[in-house]
Amino acid sequence: MKFSYSRLKNLSNIQKHGISLENARLLDWSLILITEDARKDYGEVRLIGYAPLAKRLYCIVYTERSEVTHIISLRKANAREVSKYVKTRQNIKSR
């Protein structure tokens, strides 16, 4: 997988969320749950994903540009998001 991100957005993400967008490479992409971010028209399809990294769940916002995954935001998932992720993964396993 190829990744890209804005250098300025990365600095902003580090200040706001305490994590570099570079860490998106370390997510367990095989366990990601994805929904489309349809809150507004961004001019491109934005995806919101939840995936584990080092025993913690993270929320990532990204878009696919050609063959590159462009990272927009990365942060720790909140308790509500963790609960929803766990329930959804359990439902997937029980099928």
PDB file of N, CA and C in Angstrom:
ATOM      1  N   MET A   1       0.834  -1.183   0.000  1.00  0.00           N
ATOM      2  CA  MET A   1       0.000   0.000   0.000  1.00  0.00           C
ATOM      3  C   MET A   1       0.880   1.248   0.000  1.00  0.00           C
ATOM      4  N   LYS A   2       0.546   2.188  -0.855  1.00  0.00           N
ATOM      5  CA  LYS A   2       1.267   3.460  -0.890  1.00  0.00           C
ATOM      6  C   LYS A   2       0.436   4.503  -0.155  1.00  0.00           C
ATOM      7  N   PHE A   3       1.111   5.340   0.636  1.00  0.00           N
ATOM      8  CA  PHE A   3       0.441   6.366   1.417  1.00  0.00           C
ATOM      9  C   PHE A   3       0.990   7.742   1.076  1.00  0.00           C
ATOM     10  N   SER A   4       0.130   8.742   1.241  1.00  0.00           N
ATOM     11  CA  SER A   4       0.560  10.131   1.131  1.00  0.00           C
ATOM     12  C   SER A   4      -0.215  10.948   2.151  1.00  0.00           C
ATOM     13  N   TYR A   5       0.310  12.116   2.464  1.00  0.00           N
ATOM     14  CA  TYR A   5      -0.376  13.058   3.350  1.00  0.00           C
ATOM     15  C   TYR A   5       0.312  14.409   3.232  1.00  0.00           C
ATOM     16  N   SER A   6      -0.413  15.438   3.610  1.00  0.00           N
ATOM     17  CA  SER A   6       0.128  16.790   3.602  1.00  0.00           C
ATOM     18  C   SER A   6       1.058  16.968   4.806  1.00  0.00           C
ATOM     19  N   ARG A   7       2.223  17.533   4.562  1.00  0.00           N
ATOM     20  CA  ARG A   7       3.169  17.786   5.652  1.00  0.00           C
ATOM     21  C   ARG A   7       2.556  18.713   6.700  1.00  0.00           C
ATOM     22  N   LEU A   8       1.858  19.749   6.238  1.00  0.00           N
ATOM     23  CA  LEU A   8       1.223  20.686   7.174  1.00  0.00           C
ATOM     24  C   LEU A   8       0.090  20.014   7.947  1.00  0.00           C
ATOM     25  N   LYS A   9      -0.688  19.180   7.268  1.00  0.00           N
ATOM     26  CA  LYS A   9      -1.774  18.445   7.932  1.00  0.00           C
ATOM     27  C   LYS A   9      -1.196  17.480   8.965  1.00  0.00           C
ATOM     28  N   ASN A  10      -0.042  16.900   8.658  1.00  0.00           N
ATOM     29  CA  ASN A  10       0.606  16.004   9.605  1.00  0.00           C
ATOM     30  C   ASN A  10       0.990  16.752  10.883  1.00  0.00           C
ATOM     31  N   LEU A  11       1.576  17.930  10.733  1.00  0.00           N
ATOM     32  CA  LEU A  11       1.944  18.730  11.906  1.00  0.00           C
ATOM     33  C   LEU A  11       0.711  19.096  12.720  1.00  0.00           C
ATOM     34  N   SER A  12      -0.355  19.470  12.042  1.00  0.00           N
ATOM     35  CA  SER A  12      -1.620  19.791  12.707  1.00  0.00           C
ATOM     36  C   SER A  12      -2.173  18.571  13.439  1.00  0.00           C
ATOM     37  N   ASN A  13      -2.100  17.406  12.809  1.00  0.00           N
ATOM     38  CA  ASN A  13      -2.614  16.176  13.418  1.00  0.00           C
ATOM     39  C   ASN A  13      -1.809  15.806  14.670  1.00  0.00           C
ATOM     40  N   ILE A  14      -0.493  16.001  14.614  1.00  0.00           N
ATOM     41  CA  ILE A  14       0.354  15.723  15.780  1.00  0.00           C
ATOM     42  C   ILE A  14      -0.033  16.641  16.933  1.00  0.00           C
ATOM     43  N   GLN A  15      -0.232  17.927  16.647  1.00  0.00           N
ATOM     44  CA  GLN A  15      -0.617  18.882  17.692  1.00  0.00           C
ATOM     45  C   GLN A  15      -1.993  18.568  18.261  1.00  0.00           C
ATOM     46  N   LYS A  16      -2.936  18.240  17.400  1.00  0.00           N
ATOM     47  CA  LYS A  16      -4.320  18.026  17.827  1.00  0.00           C
ATOM     48  C   LYS A  16      -4.544  16.656  18.457  1.00  0.00           C
ATOM     49  N   HIS A  17      -3.939  15.602  17.875  1.00  0.00           N
ATOM     50  CA  HIS A  17      -4.236  14.233  18.306  1.00  0.00           C
ATOM     51  C   HIS A  17      -3.035  13.480  18.885  1.00  0.00           C
ATOM     52  N   GLY A  18      -1.849  14.076  18.814  1.00  0.00           N
ATOM     53  CA  GLY A  18      -0.670  13.447  19.399  1.00  0.00           C
ATOM     54  C   GLY A  18      -0.115  12.267  18.625  1.00  0.00           C
ATOM     55  N   ILE A  19      -0.449  12.178  17.332  1.00  0.00           N
ATOM     56  CA  ILE A  19       0.045  11.067  16.514  1.00  0.00           C
ATOM     57  C   ILE A  19       0.305  11.544  15.088  1.00  0.00           C
ATOM     58  N   SER A  20       1.382  11.054  14.518  1.00  0.00           N
ATOM     59  CA  SER A  20       1.739  11.401  13.145  1.00  0.00           C
ATOM     60  C   SER A  20       0.909  10.592  12.153  1.00  0.00           C
ATOM     61  N   LEU A  21       0.586  11.199  11.041  1.00  0.00           N
ATOM     62  CA  LEU A  21      -0.126  10.494   9.973  1.00  0.00           C
ATOM     63  C   LEU A  21       0.726   9.356   9.407  1.00  0.00           C
ATOM     64  N   GLU A  22       2.023   9.428   9.601  1.00  0.00           N
ATOM     65  CA  GLU A  22       2.932   8.362   9.168  1.00  0.00           C
ATOM     66  C   GLU A  22       2.553   7.025   9.807  1.00  0.00           C
ATOM     67  N   ASN A  23       1.956   7.067  10.998  1.00  0.00           N
ATOM     68  CA  ASN A  23       1.572   5.841  11.710  1.00  0.00           C
ATOM     69  C   ASN A  23       0.425   5.089  11.043  1.00  0.00           C
ATOM     70  N   ALA A  24      -0.200   5.675  10.051  1.00  0.00           N
ATOM     71  CA  ALA A  24      -1.255   4.967   9.311  1.00  0.00           C
ATOM     72  C   ALA A  24      -0.709   3.675   8.713  1.00  0.00           C
ATOM     73  N   ARG A  25       0.566   3.656   8.396  1.00  0.00           N
ATOM     74  CA  ARG A  25       1.206   2.452   7.845  1.00  0.00           C
ATOM     75  C   ARG A  25       1.165   1.289   8.832  1.00  0.00           C
ATOM     76  N   LEU A  26       1.104   1.608  10.118  1.00  0.00           N
ATOM     77  CA  LEU A  26       1.186   0.589  11.163  1.00  0.00           C
ATOM     78  C   LEU A  26      -0.170   0.009  11.553  1.00  0.00           C
ATOM     79  N   LEU A  27      -1.252   0.607  11.058  1.00  0.00           N
ATOM     80  CA  LEU A  27      -2.582   0.073  11.360  1.00  0.00           C
ATOM     81  C   LEU A  27      -2.711  -1.346  10.819  1.00  0.00           C
ATOM     82  N   ASP A  28      -3.537  -2.141  11.482  1.00  0.00           N
ATOM     83  CA  ASP A  28      -3.827  -3.483  10.961  1.00  0.00           C
ATOM     84  C   ASP A  28      -4.942  -3.338   9.929  1.00  0.00           C
ATOM     85  N   TRP A  29      -4.556  -3.091   8.685  1.00  0.00           N
ATOM     86  CA  TRP A  29      -5.507  -2.835   7.607  1.00  0.00           C
ATOM     87  C   TRP A  29      -6.370  -4.049   7.302  1.00  0.00           C
ATOM     88  N   SER A  30      -5.959  -5.224   7.738  1.00  0.00           N
ATOM     89  CA  SER A  30      -6.776  -6.425   7.503  1.00  0.00           C
ATOM     90  C   SER A  30      -8.008  -6.456   8.406  1.00  0.00           C
ATOM     91  N   LEU A  31      -8.005  -5.643   9.465  1.00  0.00           N
ATOM     92  CA  LEU A  31      -9.132  -5.604  10.405  1.00  0.00           C
ATOM     93  C   LEU A  31      -9.921  -4.296  10.339  1.00  0.00           C
ATOM     94  N   ILE A  32      -9.666  -3.493   9.332  1.00  0.00           N
ATOM     95  CA  ILE A  32     -10.314  -2.181   9.250  1.00  0.00           C
ATOM     96  C   ILE A  32     -11.801  -2.309   8.912  1.00  0.00           C
ATOM     97  N   LEU A  33     -12.604  -1.487   9.573  1.00  0.00           N
ATOM     98  CA  LEU A  33     -14.027  -1.335   9.247  1.00  0.00           C
ATOM     99  C   LEU A  33     -14.180   0.058   8.667  1.00  0.00           C
ATOM    100  N   ILE A  34     -14.833   0.153   7.511  1.00  0.00           N
ATOM    101  CA  ILE A  34     -14.868   1.402   6.750  1.00  0.00           C
ATOM    102  C   ILE A  34     -16.298   1.842   6.467  1.00  0.00           C
ATOM    103  N   THR A  35     -16.531   3.143   6.589  1.00  0.00           N
ATOM    104  CA  THR A  35     -17.779   3.756   6.142  1.00  0.00           C
ATOM    105  C   THR A  35     -17.416   5.008   5.343  1.00  0.00           C
ATOM    106  N   GLU A  36     -18.316   5.414   4.468  1.00  0.00           N
ATOM    107  CA  GLU A  36     -18.084   6.635   3.704  1.00  0.00           C
ATOM    108  C   GLU A  36     -18.457   7.835   4.558  1.00  0.00           C
ATOM    109  N   ASP A  37     -17.641   8.876   4.498  1.00  0.00           N
ATOM    110  CA  ASP A  37     -17.926  10.124   5.207  1.00  0.00           C
ATOM    111  C   ASP A  37     -18.822  10.969   4.306  1.00  0.00           C
ATOM    112  N   ALA A  38     -20.122  10.917   4.564  1.00  0.00           N
ATOM    113  CA  ALA A  38     -21.098  11.624   3.728  1.00  0.00           C
ATOM    114  C   ALA A  38     -21.654  12.861   4.425  1.00  0.00           C
ATOM    115  N   ARG A  39     -20.947  13.365   5.429  1.00  0.00           N
ATOM    116  CA  ARG A  39     -21.443  14.526   6.174  1.00  0.00           C
ATOM    117  C   ARG A  39     -21.550  15.773   5.303  1.00  0.00           C
ATOM    118  N   LYS A  40     -20.648  15.887   4.323  1.00  0.00           N
ATOM    119  CA  LYS A  40     -20.715  17.002   3.379  1.00  0.00           C
ATOM    120  C   LYS A  40     -19.973  16.624   2.114  1.00  0.00           C
ATOM    121  N   ASP A  41     -20.074  17.459   1.092  1.00  0.00           N
ATOM    122  CA  ASP A  41     -19.405  17.201  -0.179  1.00  0.00           C
ATOM    123  C   ASP A  41     -17.974  17.721  -0.096  1.00  0.00           C
ATOM    124  N   TYR A  42     -17.031  16.800  -0.089  1.00  0.00           N
ATOM    125  CA  TYR A  42     -15.617  17.163  -0.015  1.00  0.00           C
ATOM    126  C   TYR A  42     -14.984  17.280  -1.402  1.00  0.00           C
ATOM    127  N   GLY A  43     -15.752  16.967  -2.432  1.00  0.00           N
ATOM    128  CA  GLY A  43     -15.201  16.984  -3.778  1.00  0.00           C
ATOM    129  C   GLY A  43     -14.498  15.682  -4.133  1.00  0.00           C
ATOM    130  N   GLU A  44     -14.476  14.761  -3.204  1.00  0.00           N
ATOM    131  CA  GLU A  44     -13.916  13.427  -3.401  1.00  0.00           C
ATOM    132  C   GLU A  44     -14.528  12.515  -2.342  1.00  0.00           C
ATOM    133  N   VAL A  45     -14.464  11.231  -2.552  1.00  0.00           N
ATOM    134  CA  VAL A  45     -15.010  10.282  -1.582  1.00  0.00           C
ATOM    135  C   VAL A  45     -14.031  10.155  -0.421  1.00  0.00           C
ATOM    136  N   ARG A  46     -14.513  10.512   0.768  1.00  0.00           N
ATOM    137  CA  ARG A  46     -13.704  10.347   1.973  1.00  0.00           C
ATOM    138  C   ARG A  46     -14.218   9.149   2.743  1.00  0.00           C
ATOM    139  N   LEU A  47     -13.292   8.390   3.268  1.00  0.00           N
ATOM    140  CA  LEU A  47     -13.631   7.189   4.015  1.00  0.00           C
ATOM    141  C   LEU A  47     -13.188   7.333   5.463  1.00  0.00           C
ATOM    142  N   ILE A  48     -14.007   6.810   6.367  1.00  0.00           N
ATOM    143  CA  ILE A  48     -13.666   6.768   7.784  1.00  0.00           C
ATOM    144  C   ILE A  48     -13.459   5.304   8.137  1.00  0.00           C
ATOM    145  N   GLY A  49     -12.297   5.006   8.666  1.00  0.00           N
ATOM    146  CA  GLY A  49     -11.987   3.631   9.021  1.00  0.00           C
ATOM    147  C   GLY A  49     -11.596   3.511  10.477  1.00  0.00           C
ATOM    148  N   TYR A  50     -11.810   2.327  11.019  1.00  0.00           N
ATOM    149  CA  TYR A  50     -11.413   2.011  12.392  1.00  0.00           C
ATOM    150  C   TYR A  50     -10.575   0.751  12.341  1.00  0.00           C
ATOM    151  N   ALA A  51      -9.366   0.837  12.890  1.00  0.00           N
ATOM    152  CA  ALA A  51      -8.457  -0.312  12.859  1.00  0.00           C
ATOM    153  C   ALA A  51      -7.521  -0.255  14.060  1.00  0.00           C
ATOM    154  N   PRO A  52      -7.089  -1.428  14.517  1.00  0.00           N
ATOM    155  CA  PRO A  52      -6.181  -1.461  15.662  1.00  0.00           C
ATOM    156  C   PRO A  52      -4.739  -1.116  15.293  1.00  0.00           C
ATOM    157  N   LEU A  53      -4.074  -0.555  16.290  1.00  0.00           N
ATOM    158  CA  LEU A  53      -2.644  -0.266  16.220  1.00  0.00           C
ATOM    159  C   LEU A  53      -2.107  -0.400  17.641  1.00  0.00           C
ATOM    160  N   ALA A  54      -1.225  -1.344  17.852  1.00  0.00           N
ATOM    161  CA  ALA A  54      -0.599  -1.548  19.168  1.00  0.00           C
ATOM    162  C   ALA A  54      -1.629  -1.641  20.299  1.00  0.00           C
ATOM    163  N   LYS A  55      -2.581  -2.538  20.146  1.00  0.00           N
ATOM    164  CA  LYS A  55      -3.591  -2.837  21.166  1.00  0.00           C
ATOM    165  C   LYS A  55      -4.533  -1.675  21.467  1.00  0.00           C
ATOM    166  N   ARG A  56      -4.625  -0.733  20.525  1.00  0.00           N
ATOM    167  CA  ARG A  56      -5.517   0.411  20.679  1.00  0.00           C
ATOM    168  C   ARG A  56      -6.251   0.611  19.354  1.00  0.00           C
ATOM    169  N   LEU A  57      -7.522   1.018  19.409  1.00  0.00           N
ATOM    170  CA  LEU A  57      -8.279   1.269  18.187  1.00  0.00           C
ATOM    171  C   LEU A  57      -8.102   2.724  17.763  1.00  0.00           C
ATOM    172  N   TYR A  58      -7.888   2.912  16.466  1.00  0.00           N
ATOM    173  CA  TYR A  58      -7.719   4.255  15.911  1.00  0.00           C
ATOM    174  C   TYR A  58      -8.760   4.523  14.839  1.00  0.00           C
ATOM    175  N   CYS A  59      -9.074   5.798  14.687  1.00  0.00           N
ATOM    176  CA  CYS A  59      -9.972   6.272  13.641  1.00  0.00           C
ATOM    177  C   CYS A  59      -9.115   6.987  12.599  1.00  0.00           C
ATOM    178  N   ILE A  60      -9.285   6.599  11.349  1.00  0.00           N
ATOM    179  CA  ILE A  60      -8.527   7.203  10.261  1.00  0.00           C
ATOM    180  C   ILE A  60      -9.493   7.724   9.204  1.00  0.00           C
ATOM    181  N   VAL A  61      -9.221   8.906   8.713  1.00  0.00           N
ATOM    182  CA  VAL A  61      -9.984   9.476   7.604  1.00  0.00           C
ATOM    183  C   VAL A  61      -9.019   9.553   6.427  1.00  0.00           C
ATOM    184  N   TYR A  62      -9.468   9.041   5.289  1.00  0.00           N
ATOM    185  CA  TYR A  62      -8.585   8.993   4.132  1.00  0.00           C
ATOM    186  C   TYR A  62      -9.400   8.968   2.848  1.00  0.00           C
ATOM    187  N   THR A  63      -8.697   9.103   1.742  1.00  0.00           N
ATOM    188  CA  THR A  63      -9.306   9.002   0.426  1.00  0.00           C
ATOM    189  C   THR A  63      -8.358   8.227  -0.485  1.00  0.00           C
ATOM    190  N   GLU A  64      -8.913   7.592  -1.473  1.00  0.00           N
ATOM    191  CA  GLU A  64      -8.096   6.856  -2.445  1.00  0.00           C
ATOM    192  C   GLU A  64      -7.868   7.761  -3.649  1.00  0.00           C
ATOM    193  N   ARG A  65      -6.614   7.992  -3.972  1.00  0.00           N
ATOM    194  CA  ARG A  65      -6.240   8.803  -5.134  1.00  0.00           C
ATOM    195  C   ARG A  65      -5.347   7.958  -6.030  1.00  0.00           C
ATOM    196  N   SER A  66      -5.903   7.535  -7.154  1.00  0.00           N
ATOM    197  CA  SER A  66      -5.214   6.591  -8.047  1.00  0.00           C
ATOM    198  C   SER A  66      -4.859   5.356  -7.244  1.00  0.00           C
ATOM    199  N   GLU A  67      -3.576   5.058  -7.118  1.00  0.00           N
ATOM    200  CA  GLU A  67      -3.147   3.875  -6.368  1.00  0.00           C
ATOM    201  C   GLU A  67      -2.555   4.255  -5.014  1.00  0.00           C
ATOM    202  N   VAL A  68      -2.879   5.452  -4.543  1.00  0.00           N
ATOM    203  CA  VAL A  68      -2.311   5.962  -3.293  1.00  0.00           C
ATOM    204  C   VAL A  68      -3.425   6.235  -2.290  1.00  0.00           C
ATOM    205  N   THR A  69      -3.205   5.824  -1.054  1.00  0.00           N
ATOM    206  CA  THR A  69      -4.126   6.125   0.035  1.00  0.00           C
ATOM    207  C   THR A  69      -3.661   7.429   0.665  1.00  0.00           C
ATOM    208  N   HIS A  70      -4.472   8.485   0.513  1.00  0.00           N
ATOM    209  CA  HIS A  70      -4.115   9.801   1.037  1.00  0.00           C
ATOM    210  C   HIS A  70      -4.743   9.970   2.420  1.00  0.00           C
ATOM    211  N   ILE A  71      -3.898  10.107   3.440  1.00  0.00           N
ATOM    212  CA  ILE A  71      -4.347  10.194   4.828  1.00  0.00           C
ATOM    213  C   ILE A  71      -4.710  11.637   5.160  1.00  0.00           C
ATOM    214  N   ILE A  72      -5.886  11.818   5.749  1.00  0.00           N
ATOM    215  CA  ILE A  72      -6.375  13.142   6.117  1.00  0.00           C
ATOM    216  C   ILE A  72      -6.295  13.352   7.621  1.00  0.00           C
ATOM    217  N   SER A  73      -6.631  12.318   8.392  1.00  0.00           N
ATOM    218  CA  SER A  73      -6.631  12.436   9.851  1.00  0.00           C
ATOM    219  C   SER A  73      -6.436  11.062  10.481  1.00  0.00           C
ATOM    220  N   LEU A  74      -5.814  11.053  11.652  1.00  0.00           N
ATOM    221  CA  LEU A  74      -5.633   9.830  12.428  1.00  0.00           C
ATOM    222  C   LEU A  74      -5.702  10.201  13.897  1.00  0.00           C
ATOM    223  N   ARG A  75      -6.533   9.471  14.640  1.00  0.00           N
ATOM    224  CA  ARG A  75      -6.680   9.744  16.077  1.00  0.00           C
ATOM    225  C   ARG A  75      -7.123   8.477  16.789  1.00  0.00           C
ATOM    226  N   LYS A  76      -6.987   8.474  18.124  1.00  0.00           N
ATOM    227  CA  LYS A  76      -7.503   7.367  18.919  1.00  0.00           C
ATOM    228  C   LYS A  76      -9.019   7.375  18.830  1.00  0.00           C
ATOM    229  N   ALA A  77      -9.607   6.197  18.699  1.00  0.00           N
ATOM    230  CA  ALA A  77     -11.070   6.085  18.689  1.00  0.00           C
ATOM    231  C   ALA A  77     -11.594   6.347  20.095  1.00  0.00           C
ATOM    232  N   ASN A  78     -12.777   6.957  20.175  1.00  0.00           N
ATOM    233  CA  ASN A  78     -13.377   7.196  21.487  1.00  0.00           C
ATOM    234  C   ASN A  78     -14.122   5.944  21.954  1.00  0.00           C
ATOM    235  N   ALA A  79     -14.609   5.967  23.185  1.00  0.00           N
ATOM    236  CA  ALA A  79     -15.250   4.786  23.786  1.00  0.00           C
ATOM    237  C   ALA A  79     -16.454   4.308  22.974  1.00  0.00           C
ATOM    238  N   ARG A  80     -17.256   5.228  22.475  1.00  0.00           N
ATOM    239  CA  ARG A  80     -18.427   4.861  21.665  1.00  0.00           C
ATOM    240  C   ARG A  80     -17.998   4.151  20.387  1.00  0.00           C
ATOM    241  N   GLU A  81     -16.961   4.665  19.742  1.00  0.00           N
ATOM    242  CA  GLU A  81     -16.461   4.062  18.507  1.00  0.00           C
ATOM    243  C   GLU A  81     -15.851   2.676  18.769  1.00  0.00           C
ATOM    244  N   VAL A  82     -15.152   2.540  19.886  1.00  0.00           N
ATOM    245  CA  VAL A  82     -14.572   1.239  20.243  1.00  0.00           C
ATOM    246  C   VAL A  82     -15.677   0.215  20.456  1.00  0.00           C
ATOM    247  N   SER A  83     -16.712   0.606  21.192  1.00  0.00           N
ATOM    248  CA  SER A  83     -17.834  -0.297  21.464  1.00  0.00           C
ATOM    249  C   SER A  83     -18.501  -0.748  20.165  1.00  0.00           C
ATOM    250  N   LYS A  84     -18.750   0.191  19.273  1.00  0.00           N
ATOM    251  CA  LYS A  84     -19.381  -0.138  17.990  1.00  0.00           C
ATOM    252  C   LYS A  84     -18.485  -1.059  17.158  1.00  0.00           C
ATOM    253  N   TYR A  85     -17.189  -0.798  17.166  1.00  0.00           N
ATOM    254  CA  TYR A  85     -16.238  -1.630  16.425  1.00  0.00           C
ATOM    255  C   TYR A  85     -16.261  -3.065  16.950  1.00  0.00           C
ATOM    256  N   VAL A  86     -16.196  -3.211  18.274  1.00  0.00           N
ATOM    257  CA  VAL A  86     -16.181  -4.546  18.886  1.00  0.00           C
ATOM    258  C   VAL A  86     -17.458  -5.304  18.539  1.00  0.00           C
ATOM    259  N   LYS A  87     -18.609  -4.650  18.653  1.00  0.00           N
ATOM    260  CA  LYS A  87     -19.884  -5.301  18.324  1.00  0.00           C
ATOM    261  C   LYS A  87     -19.933  -5.718  16.856  1.00  0.00           C
ATOM    262  N   THR A  88     -19.479  -4.854  15.978  1.00  0.00           N
ATOM    263  CA  THR A  88     -19.491  -5.165  14.546  1.00  0.00           C
ATOM    264  C   THR A  88     -18.554  -6.323  14.230  1.00  0.00           C
ATOM    265  N   ARG A  89     -17.359  -6.329  14.812  1.00  0.00           N
ATOM    266  CA  ARG A  89     -16.408  -7.431  14.582  1.00  0.00           C
ATOM    267  C   ARG A  89     -16.982  -8.749  15.100  1.00  0.00           C
ATOM    268  N   GLN A  90     -17.679  -8.708  16.240  1.00  0.00           N
ATOM    269  CA  GLN A  90     -18.293  -9.923  16.785  1.00  0.00           C
ATOM    270  C   GLN A  90     -19.373 -10.442  15.840  1.00  0.00           C
ATOM    271  N   ASN A  91     -20.162  -9.536  15.274  1.00  0.00           N
ATOM    272  CA  ASN A  91     -21.202  -9.927  14.314  1.00  0.00           C
ATOM    273  C   ASN A  91     -20.595 -10.553  13.063  1.00  0.00           C
ATOM    274  N   ILE A  92     -19.479 -10.022  12.615  1.00  0.00           N
ATOM    275  CA  ILE A  92     -18.803 -10.565  11.433  1.00  0.00           C
ATOM    276  C   ILE A  92     -18.296 -11.979  11.727  1.00  0.00           C
ATOM    277  N   LYS A  93     -17.723 -12.180  12.904  1.00  0.00           N
ATOM    278  CA  LYS A  93     -17.178 -13.493  13.275  1.00  0.00           C
ATOM    279  C   LYS A  93     -18.267 -14.544  13.434  1.00  0.00           C
ATOM    280  N   SER A  94     -19.462 -14.125  13.867  1.00  0.00           N
ATOM    281  CA  SER A  94     -20.532 -15.095  14.134  1.00  0.00           C
ATOM    282  C   SER A  94     -21.291 -15.510  12.874  1.00  0.00           C
ATOM    283  N   ARG A  95     -20.982 -14.926  11.752  1.00  0.00           N
ATOM    284  CA  ARG A  95     -21.666 -15.282  10.493  1.00  0.00           C
ATOM    285  C   ARG A  95     -21.187 -16.591   9.943  1.00  0.00           C
TER     286      ARG A  95
END
